[in-house]
Amino acid sequence: MPVFKDHKVNINHLLGFIPEALIAHLSATTRVDHYTKVLHGKKMFYLLMYGILENDRLSQRTLEDSFN
């Protein structure tokens, strides 16, 4: 898989390609919000996208370091 080190992507620009209706539909069909009261599926999706773009190697530890 090629790595584009010099190619900068703004998270807001990237998320602009994903319709809000699609995220809401995925959240409803997977029932990800069924047991949660604070961190809903939409926010979780945005946080994961941010983690993917900010870290070279994605793992639970790097995600934790990014968000704490």
N, C-alpha and C. Protein backbone atom coordinates (compact mmCIF):
# COMPACT_ATOMS: atom_id res chain seq x y z
N MET A 1 0.85 -1.17 0.00
CA MET A 1 0.00 0.00 0.00
C MET A 1 0.89 1.23 0.00
N PRO A 2 0.71 2.15 -0.93
CA PRO A 2 1.56 3.33 -0.98
C PRO A 2 1.26 4.30 0.15
N VAL A 3 2.30 4.98 0.59
CA VAL A 3 2.16 5.99 1.63
C VAL A 3 2.41 7.35 1.01
N PHE A 4 1.51 8.27 1.23
CA PHE A 4 1.62 9.61 0.69
C PHE A 4 2.00 10.56 1.82
N LYS A 5 3.29 10.72 2.06
CA LYS A 5 3.73 11.54 3.19
C LYS A 5 3.51 13.02 2.95
N ASP A 6 3.65 13.48 1.73
CA ASP A 6 3.54 14.90 1.45
C ASP A 6 2.11 15.34 1.14
N HIS A 7 1.19 14.41 1.13
CA HIS A 7 -0.19 14.73 0.81
C HIS A 7 -0.96 14.99 2.10
N LYS A 8 -1.33 16.23 2.34
CA LYS A 8 -2.05 16.60 3.56
C LYS A 8 -3.54 16.65 3.27
N VAL A 9 -4.32 16.02 4.13
CA VAL A 9 -5.77 16.00 3.98
C VAL A 9 -6.37 16.60 5.24
N ASN A 10 -7.23 17.57 5.06
CA ASN A 10 -7.94 18.18 6.17
C ASN A 10 -9.11 17.28 6.55
N ILE A 11 -9.27 17.02 7.84
CA ILE A 11 -10.32 16.10 8.29
C ILE A 11 -11.71 16.65 7.92
N ASN A 12 -11.90 17.95 8.01
CA ASN A 12 -13.20 18.52 7.65
C ASN A 12 -13.49 18.34 6.17
N HIS A 13 -12.47 18.47 5.35
CA HIS A 13 -12.63 18.27 3.90
C HIS A 13 -12.99 16.81 3.60
N LEU A 14 -12.31 15.90 4.27
CA LEU A 14 -12.57 14.48 4.06
C LEU A 14 -13.96 14.08 4.53
N LEU A 15 -14.36 14.56 5.70
CA LEU A 15 -15.68 14.22 6.23
C LEU A 15 -16.80 14.87 5.41
N GLY A 16 -16.47 15.90 4.66
CA GLY A 16 -17.46 16.53 3.79
C GLY A 16 -17.93 15.61 2.67
N PHE A 17 -17.13 14.60 2.35
CA PHE A 17 -17.51 13.64 1.31
C PHE A 17 -18.47 12.57 1.83
N ILE A 18 -18.60 12.44 3.13
CA ILE A 18 -19.46 11.42 3.73
C ILE A 18 -20.76 12.08 4.17
N PRO A 19 -21.87 11.72 3.57
CA PRO A 19 -23.15 12.36 3.92
C PRO A 19 -23.57 12.04 5.35
N GLU A 20 -24.15 13.04 6.00
CA GLU A 20 -24.65 12.86 7.37
C GLU A 20 -25.72 11.77 7.41
N ALA A 21 -26.52 11.69 6.37
CA ALA A 21 -27.58 10.68 6.32
C ALA A 21 -27.00 9.27 6.32
N LEU A 22 -25.86 9.07 5.67
CA LEU A 22 -25.23 7.76 5.66
C LEU A 22 -24.73 7.37 7.05
N ILE A 23 -24.12 8.31 7.75
CA ILE A 23 -23.65 8.03 9.10
C ILE A 23 -24.83 7.73 10.02
N ALA A 24 -25.90 8.51 9.90
CA ALA A 24 -27.09 8.27 10.71
C ALA A 24 -27.71 6.91 10.39
N HIS A 25 -27.73 6.55 9.12
CA HIS A 25 -28.28 5.25 8.71
C HIS A 25 -27.44 4.10 9.27
N LEU A 26 -26.12 4.21 9.18
CA LEU A 26 -25.24 3.18 9.73
C LEU A 26 -25.41 3.06 11.24
N SER A 27 -25.55 4.18 11.89
CA SER A 27 -25.74 4.17 13.34
C SER A 27 -27.05 3.49 13.71
N ALA A 28 -28.10 3.74 12.95
CA ALA A 28 -29.40 3.14 13.23
C ALA A 28 -29.42 1.65 12.91
N THR A 29 -28.84 1.25 11.79
CA THR A 29 -28.90 -0.16 11.39
C THR A 29 -28.00 -1.04 12.24
N THR A 30 -26.90 -0.50 12.73
CA THR A 30 -26.01 -1.30 13.59
C THR A 30 -26.39 -1.20 15.06
N ARG A 31 -27.32 -0.32 15.39
CA ARG A 31 -27.79 -0.10 16.76
C ARG A 31 -26.64 0.22 17.71
N VAL A 32 -25.68 0.96 17.22
CA VAL A 32 -24.51 1.31 18.02
C VAL A 32 -24.89 2.26 19.17
N ASP A 33 -25.97 3.02 19.02
CA ASP A 33 -26.38 3.97 20.05
C ASP A 33 -27.37 3.38 21.05
N HIS A 34 -27.63 2.09 20.98
CA HIS A 34 -28.67 1.48 21.81
C HIS A 34 -28.37 1.60 23.30
N TYR A 35 -27.14 1.37 23.72
CA TYR A 35 -26.80 1.37 25.15
C TYR A 35 -26.02 2.60 25.59
N THR A 36 -25.73 3.50 24.72
CA THR A 36 -24.89 4.64 25.08
C THR A 36 -25.72 5.89 25.32
N LYS A 37 -25.22 6.73 26.21
CA LYS A 37 -25.89 7.99 26.49
C LYS A 37 -25.01 9.19 26.16
N VAL A 38 -23.71 9.01 26.06
CA VAL A 38 -22.80 10.13 25.86
C VAL A 38 -22.07 10.07 24.53
N LEU A 39 -21.37 8.97 24.27
CA LEU A 39 -20.53 8.87 23.08
C LEU A 39 -21.29 8.09 22.01
N HIS A 40 -21.97 8.83 21.15
CA HIS A 40 -22.79 8.22 20.12
C HIS A 40 -21.95 7.78 18.93
N GLY A 41 -22.55 6.99 18.06
CA GLY A 41 -21.86 6.43 16.91
C GLY A 41 -21.26 7.47 15.99
N LYS A 42 -21.95 8.58 15.80
CA LYS A 42 -21.45 9.64 14.93
C LYS A 42 -20.15 10.22 15.48
N LYS A 43 -20.13 10.51 16.77
CA LYS A 43 -18.92 11.04 17.40
C LYS A 43 -17.80 10.01 17.36
N MET A 44 -18.14 8.76 17.59
CA MET A 44 -17.13 7.70 17.56
C MET A 44 -16.52 7.57 16.17
N PHE A 45 -17.34 7.67 15.15
CA PHE A 45 -16.85 7.62 13.77
C PHE A 45 -15.89 8.76 13.50
N TYR A 46 -16.26 9.97 13.92
CA TYR A 46 -15.40 11.13 13.73
C TYR A 46 -14.08 10.97 14.47
N LEU A 47 -14.13 10.47 15.70
CA LEU A 47 -12.90 10.27 16.48
C LEU A 47 -11.99 9.23 15.84
N LEU A 48 -12.56 8.15 15.32
CA LEU A 48 -11.75 7.14 14.65
C LEU A 48 -11.13 7.68 13.36
N MET A 49 -11.88 8.46 12.62
CA MET A 49 -11.31 9.07 11.41
C MET A 49 -10.16 10.00 11.76
N TYR A 50 -10.31 10.77 12.83
CA TYR A 50 -9.24 11.65 13.28
C TYR A 50 -8.01 10.83 13.67
N GLY A 51 -8.23 9.74 14.41
CA GLY A 51 -7.11 8.89 14.82
C GLY A 51 -6.40 8.25 13.64
N ILE A 52 -7.15 7.85 12.64
CA ILE A 52 -6.55 7.25 11.45
C ILE A 52 -5.68 8.26 10.71
N LEU A 53 -6.15 9.49 10.62
CA LEU A 53 -5.39 10.51 9.89
C LEU A 53 -4.20 11.05 10.68
N GLU A 54 -4.28 11.03 12.00
CA GLU A 54 -3.22 11.61 12.81
C GLU A 54 -2.08 10.64 13.12
N ASN A 55 -2.32 9.35 13.07
CA ASN A 55 -1.32 8.36 13.48
C ASN A 55 -0.86 7.54 12.29
N ASP A 56 0.44 7.29 12.26
CA ASP A 56 1.00 6.45 11.20
C ASP A 56 0.61 4.99 11.41
N ARG A 57 0.66 4.55 12.66
CA ARG A 57 0.30 3.17 12.99
C ARG A 57 -0.89 3.21 13.94
N LEU A 58 -1.97 2.61 13.55
CA LEU A 58 -3.19 2.68 14.33
C LEU A 58 -3.30 1.47 15.25
N SER A 59 -3.48 1.74 16.53
CA SER A 59 -3.72 0.70 17.52
C SER A 59 -4.54 1.32 18.64
N GLN A 60 -5.00 0.50 19.56
CA GLN A 60 -5.76 1.03 20.69
C GLN A 60 -4.91 1.97 21.52
N ARG A 61 -3.65 1.65 21.66
CA ARG A 61 -2.75 2.50 22.45
C ARG A 61 -2.55 3.87 21.80
N THR A 62 -2.33 3.90 20.49
CA THR A 62 -2.14 5.19 19.82
C THR A 62 -3.43 6.01 19.83
N LEU A 63 -4.58 5.34 19.72
CA LEU A 63 -5.84 6.06 19.82
C LEU A 63 -6.02 6.65 21.21
N GLU A 64 -5.68 5.89 22.23
CA GLU A 64 -5.78 6.39 23.60
C GLU A 64 -4.86 7.58 23.80
N ASP A 65 -3.65 7.50 23.29
CA ASP A 65 -2.70 8.61 23.42
C ASP A 65 -3.20 9.85 22.67
N SER A 66 -3.87 9.66 21.56
CA SER A 66 -4.37 10.79 20.79
C SER A 66 -5.49 11.53 21.50
N PHE A 67 -6.32 10.80 22.20
CA PHE A 67 -7.52 11.39 22.78
C PHE A 67 -7.39 11.76 24.24
N ASN A 68 -6.29 11.42 24.86
CA ASN A 68 -6.07 11.79 26.28
C ASN A 68 -5.06 12.88 26.41
